[in-house]
Amino acid sequence: MGCSAHGMVQDRVAMLAKGVLTCRRDRLLRQVGNLRVRRAGELLRIDAGLVVYRSDEEGVSSLYMVARYEVDVADDGARLAIRHMAVVVDSFGIDTMLAVPL
């Protein structure tokens, strides 16, 4: 099942919530690492690697997804606030059942 527009993703999520679509009951392990923080004026630029491993009902584990976080955090001296956050997926073999959250 592929989705080429935001509306198609919303449709898949709605169908999953209504029970029309079913999904595998896999267990997911998310690991964040290789954190890098750089200061650019009043902004903190933060990058981190993300890997997601999947274990199916039979206990077989596999690498599911490789990605990275790119975050800009404003630092005004009193508090921190996220200004921009993106997850850049580097994997091309992700299951196309996009309604299942990672």
PDB file of N, CA and C in Angstrom:
ATOM      1  N   MET A   1       0.854  -1.155   0.000  1.00  0.00           N
ATOM      2  CA  MET A   1       0.000   0.000   0.000  1.00  0.00           C
ATOM      3  C   MET A   1       0.905   1.225   0.000  1.00  0.00           C
ATOM      4  N   GLY A   2       0.803   2.047  -0.980  1.00  0.00           N
ATOM      5  CA  GLY A   2       1.620   3.248  -1.070  1.00  0.00           C
ATOM      6  C   GLY A   2       0.784   4.503  -0.885  1.00  0.00           C
ATOM      7  N   CYS A   3       1.422   5.562  -0.467  1.00  0.00           N
ATOM      8  CA  CYS A   3       0.757   6.847  -0.282  1.00  0.00           C
ATOM      9  C   CYS A   3       1.595   7.917  -0.953  1.00  0.00           C
ATOM     10  N   SER A   4       0.969   8.678  -1.821  1.00  0.00           N
ATOM     11  CA  SER A   4       1.706   9.715  -2.537  1.00  0.00           C
ATOM     12  C   SER A   4       1.286  11.124  -2.113  1.00  0.00           C
ATOM     13  N   ALA A   5       0.374  11.233  -1.155  1.00  0.00           N
ATOM     14  CA  ALA A   5      -0.078  12.546  -0.691  1.00  0.00           C
ATOM     15  C   ALA A   5      -0.460  12.460   0.781  1.00  0.00           C
ATOM     16  N   HIS A   6      -0.486  13.618   1.442  1.00  0.00           N
ATOM     17  CA  HIS A   6      -0.817  13.686   2.867  1.00  0.00           C
ATOM     18  C   HIS A   6      -2.218  13.130   3.136  1.00  0.00           C
ATOM     19  N   GLY A   7      -3.162  13.407   2.258  1.00  0.00           N
ATOM     20  CA  GLY A   7      -4.526  12.914   2.426  1.00  0.00           C
ATOM     21  C   GLY A   7      -4.604  11.397   2.417  1.00  0.00           C
ATOM     22  N   MET A   8      -3.745  10.764   1.619  1.00  0.00           N
ATOM     23  CA  MET A   8      -3.728   9.298   1.576  1.00  0.00           C
ATOM     24  C   MET A   8      -3.231   8.729   2.909  1.00  0.00           C
ATOM     25  N   VAL A   9      -2.268   9.385   3.512  1.00  0.00           N
ATOM     26  CA  VAL A   9      -1.772   8.940   4.817  1.00  0.00           C
ATOM     27  C   VAL A   9      -2.881   9.086   5.856  1.00  0.00           C
ATOM     28  N   GLN A  10      -3.594  10.221   5.843  1.00  0.00           N
ATOM     29  CA  GLN A  10      -4.701  10.428   6.782  1.00  0.00           C
ATOM     30  C   GLN A  10      -5.767   9.347   6.603  1.00  0.00           C
ATOM     31  N   ASP A  11      -6.050   8.978   5.366  1.00  0.00           N
ATOM     32  CA  ASP A  11      -7.031   7.941   5.082  1.00  0.00           C
ATOM     33  C   ASP A  11      -6.605   6.605   5.683  1.00  0.00           C
ATOM     34  N   ARG A  12      -5.324   6.235   5.543  1.00  0.00           N
ATOM     35  CA  ARG A  12      -4.826   4.967   6.085  1.00  0.00           C
ATOM     36  C   ARG A  12      -4.912   4.951   7.607  1.00  0.00           C
ATOM     37  N   VAL A  13      -4.572   6.083   8.237  1.00  0.00           N
ATOM     38  CA  VAL A  13      -4.640   6.165   9.695  1.00  0.00           C
ATOM     39  C   VAL A  13      -6.087   6.037  10.160  1.00  0.00           C
ATOM     40  N   ALA A  14      -7.001   6.697   9.479  1.00  0.00           N
ATOM     41  CA  ALA A  14      -8.419   6.604   9.848  1.00  0.00           C
ATOM     42  C   ALA A  14      -8.930   5.175   9.708  1.00  0.00           C
ATOM     43  N   MET A  15      -8.547   4.495   8.635  1.00  0.00           N
ATOM     44  CA  MET A  15      -8.981   3.105   8.450  1.00  0.00           C
ATOM     45  C   MET A  15      -8.393   2.198   9.524  1.00  0.00           C
ATOM     46  N   LEU A  16      -7.152   2.439   9.944  1.00  0.00           N
ATOM     47  CA  LEU A  16      -6.540   1.642  11.000  1.00  0.00           C
ATOM     48  C   LEU A  16      -7.281   1.860  12.317  1.00  0.00           C
ATOM     49  N   ALA A  17      -7.630   3.120  12.615  1.00  0.00           N
ATOM     50  CA  ALA A  17      -8.342   3.443  13.852  1.00  0.00           C
ATOM     51  C   ALA A  17      -9.726   2.797  13.883  1.00  0.00           C
ATOM     52  N   LYS A  18     -10.384   2.687  12.732  1.00  0.00           N
ATOM     53  CA  LYS A  18     -11.714   2.075  12.659  1.00  0.00           C
ATOM     54  C   LYS A  18     -11.654   0.555  12.663  1.00  0.00           C
ATOM     55  N   GLY A  19     -10.464  -0.002  12.552  1.00  0.00           N
ATOM     56  CA  GLY A  19     -10.336  -1.452  12.548  1.00  0.00           C
ATOM     57  C   GLY A  19     -10.490  -2.076  11.177  1.00  0.00           C
ATOM     58  N   VAL A  20     -10.566  -1.248  10.125  1.00  0.00           N
ATOM     59  CA  VAL A  20     -10.690  -1.773   8.768  1.00  0.00           C
ATOM     60  C   VAL A  20      -9.365  -2.392   8.323  1.00  0.00           C
ATOM     61  N   LEU A  21      -8.267  -1.711   8.666  1.00  0.00           N
ATOM     62  CA  LEU A  21      -6.940  -2.237   8.362  1.00  0.00           C
ATOM     63  C   LEU A  21      -6.393  -2.949   9.591  1.00  0.00           C
ATOM     64  N   THR A  22      -5.635  -3.974   9.371  1.00  0.00           N
ATOM     65  CA  THR A  22      -4.965  -4.643  10.476  1.00  0.00           C
ATOM     66  C   THR A  22      -3.468  -4.518  10.278  1.00  0.00           C
ATOM     67  N   CYS A  23      -2.745  -4.646  11.348  1.00  0.00           N
ATOM     68  CA  CYS A  23      -1.292  -4.573  11.254  1.00  0.00           C
ATOM     69  C   CYS A  23      -0.683  -5.692  12.076  1.00  0.00           C
ATOM     70  N   ARG A  24       0.540  -6.023  11.747  1.00  0.00           N
ATOM     71  CA  ARG A  24       1.261  -7.032  12.512  1.00  0.00           C
ATOM     72  C   ARG A  24       1.542  -6.487  13.904  1.00  0.00           C
ATOM     73  N   ARG A  25       1.593  -7.359  14.857  1.00  0.00           N
ATOM     74  CA  ARG A  25       1.870  -6.964  16.245  1.00  0.00           C
ATOM     75  C   ARG A  25       3.362  -7.130  16.537  1.00  0.00           C
ATOM     76  N   ASP A  26       4.161  -6.377  15.835  1.00  0.00           N
ATOM     77  CA  ASP A  26       5.605  -6.417  16.033  1.00  0.00           C
ATOM     78  C   ASP A  26       5.986  -5.542  17.213  1.00  0.00           C
ATOM     79  N   ARG A  27       7.117  -5.856  17.817  1.00  0.00           N
ATOM     80  CA  ARG A  27       7.679  -5.013  18.869  1.00  0.00           C
ATOM     81  C   ARG A  27       8.800  -4.203  18.245  1.00  0.00           C
ATOM     82  N   LEU A  28       8.830  -2.926  18.555  1.00  0.00           N
ATOM     83  CA  LEU A  28       9.834  -2.038  17.984  1.00  0.00           C
ATOM     84  C   LEU A  28      10.750  -1.526  19.088  1.00  0.00           C
ATOM     85  N   LEU A  29      12.037  -1.504  18.815  1.00  0.00           N
ATOM     86  CA  LEU A  29      13.036  -0.932  19.710  1.00  0.00           C
ATOM     87  C   LEU A  29      13.656   0.249  18.993  1.00  0.00           C
ATOM     88  N   ARG A  30      13.547   1.427  19.588  1.00  0.00           N
ATOM     89  CA  ARG A  30      14.115   2.643  18.999  1.00  0.00           C
ATOM     90  C   ARG A  30      15.371   3.026  19.778  1.00  0.00           C
ATOM     91  N   GLN A  31      16.435   3.311  19.041  1.00  0.00           N
ATOM     92  CA  GLN A  31      17.669   3.748  19.687  1.00  0.00           C
ATOM     93  C   GLN A  31      18.136   5.045  19.049  1.00  0.00           C
ATOM     94  N   VAL A  32      18.399   6.028  19.903  1.00  0.00           N
ATOM     95  CA  VAL A  32      18.899   7.327  19.458  1.00  0.00           C
ATOM     96  C   VAL A  32      20.337   7.440  19.948  1.00  0.00           C
ATOM     97  N   GLY A  33      21.233   7.853  19.050  1.00  0.00           N
ATOM     98  CA  GLY A  33      22.637   7.963  19.437  1.00  0.00           C
ATOM     99  C   GLY A  33      23.379   8.958  18.574  1.00  0.00           C
ATOM    100  N   ASN A  34      24.678   9.045  18.794  1.00  0.00           N
ATOM    101  CA  ASN A  34      25.556   9.950  18.048  1.00  0.00           C
ATOM    102  C   ASN A  34      25.038  11.380  18.071  1.00  0.00           C
ATOM    103  N   LEU A  35      24.694  11.834  19.254  1.00  0.00           N
ATOM    104  CA  LEU A  35      24.170  13.184  19.432  1.00  0.00           C
ATOM    105  C   LEU A  35      25.262  14.219  19.175  1.00  0.00           C
ATOM    106  N   ARG A  36      24.934  15.218  18.383  1.00  0.00           N
ATOM    107  CA  ARG A  36      25.872  16.299  18.072  1.00  0.00           C
ATOM    108  C   ARG A  36      25.154  17.631  18.287  1.00  0.00           C
ATOM    109  N   VAL A  37      25.738  18.495  19.117  1.00  0.00           N
ATOM    110  CA  VAL A  37      25.144  19.796  19.417  1.00  0.00           C
ATOM    111  C   VAL A  37      26.136  20.873  19.004  1.00  0.00           C
ATOM    112  N   ARG A  38      25.654  21.834  18.210  1.00  0.00           N
ATOM    113  CA  ARG A  38      26.480  22.972  17.782  1.00  0.00           C
ATOM    114  C   ARG A  38      25.724  24.256  18.066  1.00  0.00           C
ATOM    115  N   ARG A  39      26.453  25.286  18.437  1.00  0.00           N
ATOM    116  CA  ARG A  39      25.822  26.579  18.672  1.00  0.00           C
ATOM    117  C   ARG A  39      25.980  27.433  17.421  1.00  0.00           C
ATOM    118  N   ALA A  40      24.876  28.060  17.003  1.00  0.00           N
ATOM    119  CA  ALA A  40      24.874  28.992  15.873  1.00  0.00           C
ATOM    120  C   ALA A  40      24.137  30.245  16.345  1.00  0.00           C
ATOM    121  N   GLY A  41      24.856  31.144  16.981  1.00  0.00           N
ATOM    122  CA  GLY A  41      24.221  32.331  17.548  1.00  0.00           C
ATOM    123  C   GLY A  41      23.365  31.945  18.733  1.00  0.00           C
ATOM    124  N   GLU A  42      22.088  32.311  18.692  1.00  0.00           N
ATOM    125  CA  GLU A  42      21.168  31.941  19.773  1.00  0.00           C
ATOM    126  C   GLU A  42      20.502  30.599  19.524  1.00  0.00           C
ATOM    127  N   LEU A  43      20.855  29.928  18.436  1.00  0.00           N
ATOM    128  CA  LEU A  43      20.284  28.619  18.123  1.00  0.00           C
ATOM    129  C   LEU A  43      21.252  27.508  18.488  1.00  0.00           C
ATOM    130  N   LEU A  44      20.687  26.417  18.990  1.00  0.00           N
ATOM    131  CA  LEU A  44      21.434  25.178  19.150  1.00  0.00           C
ATOM    132  C   LEU A  44      20.996  24.261  18.019  1.00  0.00           C
ATOM    133  N   ARG A  45      21.926  23.785  17.230  1.00  0.00           N
ATOM    134  CA  ARG A  45      21.620  22.841  16.156  1.00  0.00           C
ATOM    135  C   ARG A  45      21.963  21.450  16.670  1.00  0.00           C
ATOM    136  N   ILE A  46      20.978  20.584  16.727  1.00  0.00           N
ATOM    137  CA  ILE A  46      21.155  19.252  17.289  1.00  0.00           C
ATOM    138  C   ILE A  46      20.855  18.215  16.222  1.00  0.00           C
ATOM    139  N   ASP A  47      21.790  17.280  16.037  1.00  0.00           N
ATOM    140  CA  ASP A  47      21.607  16.151  15.125  1.00  0.00           C
ATOM    141  C   ASP A  47      21.782  14.875  15.940  1.00  0.00           C
ATOM    142  N   ALA A  48      21.003  13.856  15.625  1.00  0.00           N
ATOM    143  CA  ALA A  48      21.135  12.574  16.308  1.00  0.00           C
ATOM    144  C   ALA A  48      20.725  11.465  15.347  1.00  0.00           C
ATOM    145  N   GLY A  49      21.391  10.336  15.455  1.00  0.00           N
ATOM    146  CA  GLY A  49      21.041   9.183  14.646  1.00  0.00           C
ATOM    147  C   GLY A  49      19.921   8.397  15.296  1.00  0.00           C
ATOM    148  N   LEU A  50      19.101   7.758  14.480  1.00  0.00           N
ATOM    149  CA  LEU A  50      17.976   6.949  14.951  1.00  0.00           C
ATOM    150  C   LEU A  50      17.977   5.628  14.202  1.00  0.00           C
ATOM    151  N   VAL A  51      17.895   4.527  14.931  1.00  0.00           N
ATOM    152  CA  VAL A  51      17.686   3.221  14.314  1.00  0.00           C
ATOM    153  C   VAL A  51      16.492   2.577  15.009  1.00  0.00           C
ATOM    154  N   VAL A  52      15.718   1.841  14.238  1.00  0.00           N
ATOM    155  CA  VAL A  52      14.560   1.127  14.774  1.00  0.00           C
ATOM    156  C   VAL A  52      14.718  -0.340  14.390  1.00  0.00           C
ATOM    157  N   TYR A  53      14.673  -1.199  15.401  1.00  0.00           N
ATOM    158  CA  TYR A  53      14.719  -2.639  15.182  1.00  0.00           C
ATOM    159  C   TYR A  53      13.318  -3.198  15.398  1.00  0.00           C
ATOM    160  N   ARG A  54      12.986  -4.248  14.649  1.00  0.00           N
ATOM    161  CA  ARG A  54      11.664  -4.858  14.751  1.00  0.00           C
ATOM    162  C   ARG A  54      11.815  -6.326  15.112  1.00  0.00           C
ATOM    163  N   SER A  55      11.001  -6.794  16.061  1.00  0.00           N
ATOM    164  CA  SER A  55      10.921  -8.216  16.397  1.00  0.00           C
ATOM    165  C   SER A  55       9.493  -8.665  16.145  1.00  0.00           C
ATOM    166  N   ASP A  56       9.340  -9.710  15.336  1.00  0.00           N
ATOM    167  CA  ASP A  56       7.985 -10.179  15.016  1.00  0.00           C
ATOM    168  C   ASP A  56       7.482 -11.143  16.089  1.00  0.00           C
ATOM    169  N   GLU A  57       6.274 -11.657  15.895  1.00  0.00           N
ATOM    170  CA  GLU A  57       5.640 -12.531  16.886  1.00  0.00           C
ATOM    171  C   GLU A  57       6.426 -13.817  17.110  1.00  0.00           C
ATOM    172  N   GLU A  58       7.212 -14.227  16.115  1.00  0.00           N
ATOM    173  CA  GLU A  58       8.014 -15.443  16.252  1.00  0.00           C
ATOM    174  C   GLU A  58       9.355 -15.168  16.916  1.00  0.00           C
ATOM    175  N   GLY A  59       9.672 -13.897  17.188  1.00  0.00           N
ATOM    176  CA  GLY A  59      10.919 -13.545  17.839  1.00  0.00           C
ATOM    177  C   GLY A  59      12.064 -13.250  16.895  1.00  0.00           C
ATOM    178  N   VAL A  60      11.792 -13.162  15.597  1.00  0.00           N
ATOM    179  CA  VAL A  60      12.834 -12.846  14.624  1.00  0.00           C
ATOM    180  C   VAL A  60      13.014 -11.335  14.583  1.00  0.00           C
ATOM    181  N   SER A  61      14.251 -10.890  14.786  1.00  0.00           N
ATOM    182  CA  SER A  61      14.544  -9.451  14.823  1.00  0.00           C
ATOM    183  C   SER A  61      15.250  -9.012  13.558  1.00  0.00           C
ATOM    184  N   SER A  62      15.014  -7.752  13.174  1.00  0.00           N
ATOM    185  CA  SER A  62      15.673  -7.195  11.986  1.00  0.00           C
ATOM    186  C   SER A  62      15.752  -5.677  12.121  1.00  0.00           C
ATOM    187  N   LEU A  63      16.691  -5.101  11.380  1.00  0.00           N
ATOM    188  CA  LEU A  63      16.798  -3.646  11.310  1.00  0.00           C
ATOM    189  C   LEU A  63      15.640  -3.148  10.459  1.00  0.00           C
ATOM    190  N   TYR A  64      14.840  -2.244  11.006  1.00  0.00           N
ATOM    191  CA  TYR A  64      13.633  -1.787  10.328  1.00  0.00           C
ATOM    192  C   TYR A  64      13.821  -0.444   9.633  1.00  0.00           C
ATOM    193  N   MET A  65      14.517   0.486  10.300  1.00  0.00           N
ATOM    194  CA  MET A  65      14.645   1.819   9.730  1.00  0.00           C
ATOM    195  C   MET A  65      15.897   2.508  10.261  1.00  0.00           C
ATOM    196  N   VAL A  66      16.518   3.311   9.405  1.00  0.00           N
ATOM    197  CA  VAL A  66      17.647   4.154   9.781  1.00  0.00           C
ATOM    198  C   VAL A  66      17.265   5.585   9.420  1.00  0.00           C
ATOM    199  N   ALA A  67      17.459   6.506  10.373  1.00  0.00           N
ATOM    200  CA  ALA A  67      17.066   7.900  10.139  1.00  0.00           C
ATOM    201  C   ALA A  67      17.935   8.799  11.007  1.00  0.00           C
ATOM    202  N   ARG A  68      17.665  10.096  10.905  1.00  0.00           N
ATOM    203  CA  ARG A  68      18.356  11.053  11.768  1.00  0.00           C
ATOM    204  C   ARG A  68      17.394  12.190  12.120  1.00  0.00           C
ATOM    205  N   TYR A  69      17.587  12.716  13.323  1.00  0.00           N
ATOM    206  CA  TYR A  69      16.849  13.882  13.778  1.00  0.00           C
ATOM    207  C   TYR A  69      17.670  15.126  13.463  1.00  0.00           C
ATOM    208  N   GLU A  70      17.004  16.172  13.017  1.00  0.00           N
ATOM    209  CA  GLU A  70      17.618  17.487  12.824  1.00  0.00           C
ATOM    210  C   GLU A  70      16.738  18.491  13.570  1.00  0.00           C
ATOM    211  N   VAL A  71      17.297  19.100  14.627  1.00  0.00           N
ATOM    212  CA  VAL A  71      16.509  19.951  15.509  1.00  0.00           C
ATOM    213  C   VAL A  71      17.218  21.289  15.700  1.00  0.00           C
ATOM    214  N   ASP A  72      16.458  22.379  15.629  1.00  0.00           N
ATOM    215  CA  ASP A  72      16.950  23.709  15.972  1.00  0.00           C
ATOM    216  C   ASP A  72      16.238  24.150  17.246  1.00  0.00           C
ATOM    217  N   VAL A  73      17.019  24.493  18.262  1.00  0.00           N
ATOM    218  CA  VAL A  73      16.475  24.905  19.548  1.00  0.00           C
ATOM    219  C   VAL A  73      16.928  26.335  19.830  1.00  0.00           C
ATOM    220  N   ALA A  74      15.965  27.208  20.151  1.00  0.00           N
ATOM    221  CA  ALA A  74      16.284  28.594  20.501  1.00  0.00           C
ATOM    222  C   ALA A  74      16.632  28.658  21.978  1.00  0.00           C
ATOM    223  N   ASP A  75      17.705  29.375  22.278  1.00  0.00           N
ATOM    224  CA  ASP A  75      18.171  29.543  23.653  1.00  0.00           C
ATOM    225  C   ASP A  75      18.224  31.037  23.949  1.00  0.00           C
ATOM    226  N   ASP A  76      17.236  31.517  24.719  1.00  0.00           N
ATOM    227  CA  ASP A  76      17.222  32.950  25.042  1.00  0.00           C
ATOM    228  C   ASP A  76      17.844  33.228  26.408  1.00  0.00           C
ATOM    229  N   GLY A  77      18.509  32.250  26.982  1.00  0.00           N
ATOM    230  CA  GLY A  77      19.146  32.409  28.277  1.00  0.00           C
ATOM    231  C   GLY A  77      18.275  31.982  29.434  1.00  0.00           C
ATOM    232  N   ALA A  78      16.949  32.112  29.286  1.00  0.00           N
ATOM    233  CA  ALA A  78      16.027  31.732  30.353  1.00  0.00           C
ATOM    234  C   ALA A  78      15.362  30.388  30.094  1.00  0.00           C
ATOM    235  N   ARG A  79      15.153  30.071  28.795  1.00  0.00           N
ATOM    236  CA  ARG A  79      14.481  28.807  28.474  1.00  0.00           C
ATOM    237  C   ARG A  79      14.896  28.349  27.083  1.00  0.00           C
ATOM    238  N   LEU A  80      14.627  27.084  26.815  1.00  0.00           N
ATOM    239  CA  LEU A  80      14.882  26.499  25.501  1.00  0.00           C
ATOM    240  C   LEU A  80      13.546  26.230  24.825  1.00  0.00           C
ATOM    241  N   ALA A  81      13.480  26.456  23.500  1.00  0.00           N
ATOM    242  CA  ALA A  81      12.256  26.203  22.749  1.00  0.00           C
ATOM    243  C   ALA A  81      12.623  25.613  21.386  1.00  0.00           C
ATOM    244  N   ILE A  82      11.936  24.554  21.014  1.00  0.00           N
ATOM    245  CA  ILE A  82      12.178  23.939  19.709  1.00  0.00           C
ATOM    246  C   ILE A  82      11.602  24.847  18.625  1.00  0.00           C
ATOM    247  N   ARG A  83      12.430  25.229  17.686  1.00  0.00           N
ATOM    248  CA  ARG A  83      12.005  26.073  16.567  1.00  0.00           C
ATOM    249  C   ARG A  83      11.715  25.249  15.319  1.00  0.00           C
ATOM    250  N   HIS A  84      12.463  24.188  15.143  1.00  0.00           N
ATOM    251  CA  HIS A  84      12.292  23.333  13.958  1.00  0.00           C
ATOM    252  C   HIS A  84      12.753  21.928  14.311  1.00  0.00           C
ATOM    253  N   MET A  85      11.999  20.935  13.844  1.00  0.00           N
ATOM    254  CA  MET A  85      12.402  19.543  14.059  1.00  0.00           C
ATOM    255  C   MET A  85      12.004  18.731  12.845  1.00  0.00           C
ATOM    256  N   ALA A  86      12.946  17.936  12.352  1.00  0.00           N
ATOM    257  CA  ALA A  86      12.675  17.072  11.196  1.00  0.00           C
ATOM    258  C   ALA A  86      13.303  15.712  11.441  1.00  0.00           C
ATOM    259  N   VAL A  87      12.650  14.692  10.928  1.00  0.00           N
ATOM    260  CA  VAL A  87      13.205  13.348  10.925  1.00  0.00           C
ATOM    261  C   VAL A  87      13.464  13.000   9.470  1.00  0.00           C
ATOM    262  N   VAL A  88      14.723  12.756   9.145  1.00  0.00           N
ATOM    263  CA  VAL A  88      15.114  12.438   7.770  1.00  0.00           C
ATOM    264  C   VAL A  88      15.359  10.941   7.701  1.00  0.00           C
ATOM    265  N   VAL A  89      14.529  10.245   6.933  1.00  0.00           N
ATOM    266  CA  VAL A  89      14.627   8.793   6.825  1.00  0.00           C
ATOM    267  C   VAL A  89      15.618   8.442   5.729  1.00  0.00           C
ATOM    268  N   ASP A  90      16.602   7.623   6.080  1.00  0.00           N
ATOM    269  CA  ASP A  90      17.624   7.206   5.127  1.00  0.00           C
ATOM    270  C   ASP A  90      17.345   5.820   4.555  1.00  0.00           C
ATOM    271  N   SER A  91      16.327   5.138   5.063  1.00  0.00           N
ATOM    272  CA  SER A  91      15.996   3.789   4.594  1.00  0.00           C
ATOM    273  C   SER A  91      14.993   3.856   3.455  1.00  0.00           C
ATOM    274  N   PHE A  92      15.141   2.961   2.514  1.00  0.00           N
ATOM    275  CA  PHE A  92      14.192   2.897   1.404  1.00  0.00           C
ATOM    276  C   PHE A  92      13.353   1.633   1.459  1.00  0.00           C
ATOM    277  N   GLY A  93      13.650   0.732   2.372  1.00  0.00           N
ATOM    278  CA  GLY A  93      12.939  -0.545   2.447  1.00  0.00           C
ATOM    279  C   GLY A  93      11.939  -0.632   3.556  1.00  0.00           C
ATOM    280  N   ILE A  94      11.391   0.502   3.989  1.00  0.00           N
ATOM    281  CA  ILE A  94      10.409   0.484   5.089  1.00  0.00           C
ATOM    282  C   ILE A  94       9.103  -0.093   4.576  1.00  0.00           C
ATOM    283  N   ASP A  95       8.448  -0.865   5.450  1.00  0.00           N
ATOM    284  CA  ASP A  95       7.123  -1.369   5.114  1.00  0.00           C
ATOM    285  C   ASP A  95       6.239  -0.232   4.647  1.00  0.00           C
ATOM    286  N   THR A  96       5.420  -0.480   3.655  1.00  0.00           N
ATOM    287  CA  THR A  96       4.568   0.588   3.133  1.00  0.00           C
ATOM    288  C   THR A  96       3.269   0.735   3.919  1.00  0.00           C
ATOM    289  N   MET A  97       3.103   0.010   4.994  1.00  0.00           N
ATOM    290  CA  MET A  97       1.928   0.187   5.855  1.00  0.00           C
ATOM    291  C   MET A  97       2.188   1.416   6.717  1.00  0.00           C
ATOM    292  N   LEU A  98       1.980   2.594   6.148  1.00  0.00           N
ATOM    293  CA  LEU A  98       2.366   3.831   6.785  1.00  0.00           C
ATOM    294  C   LEU A  98       1.516   4.213   7.982  1.00  0.00           C
ATOM    295  N   ALA A  99       0.399   3.510   8.201  1.00  0.00           N
ATOM    296  CA  ALA A  99      -0.485   3.874   9.297  1.00  0.00           C
ATOM    297  C   ALA A  99       0.043   3.402  10.640  1.00  0.00           C
ATOM    298  N   VAL A 100       1.080   2.601  10.668  1.00  0.00           N
ATOM    299  CA  VAL A 100       1.628   2.090  11.929  1.00  0.00           C
ATOM    300  C   VAL A 100       2.704   3.059  12.406  1.00  0.00           C
ATOM    301  N   PRO A 101       2.512   3.692  13.559  1.00  0.00           N
ATOM    302  CA  PRO A 101       3.503   4.675  14.026  1.00  0.00           C
ATOM    303  C   PRO A 101       4.795   4.001  14.457  1.00  0.00           C
ATOM    304  N   LEU A 102       5.880   4.722  14.276  1.00  0.00           N
ATOM    305  CA  LEU A 102       7.178   4.230  14.726  1.00  0.00           C
ATOM    306  C   LEU A 102       7.432   4.769  16.106  1.00  0.00           C
TER     307      LEU A 102
END
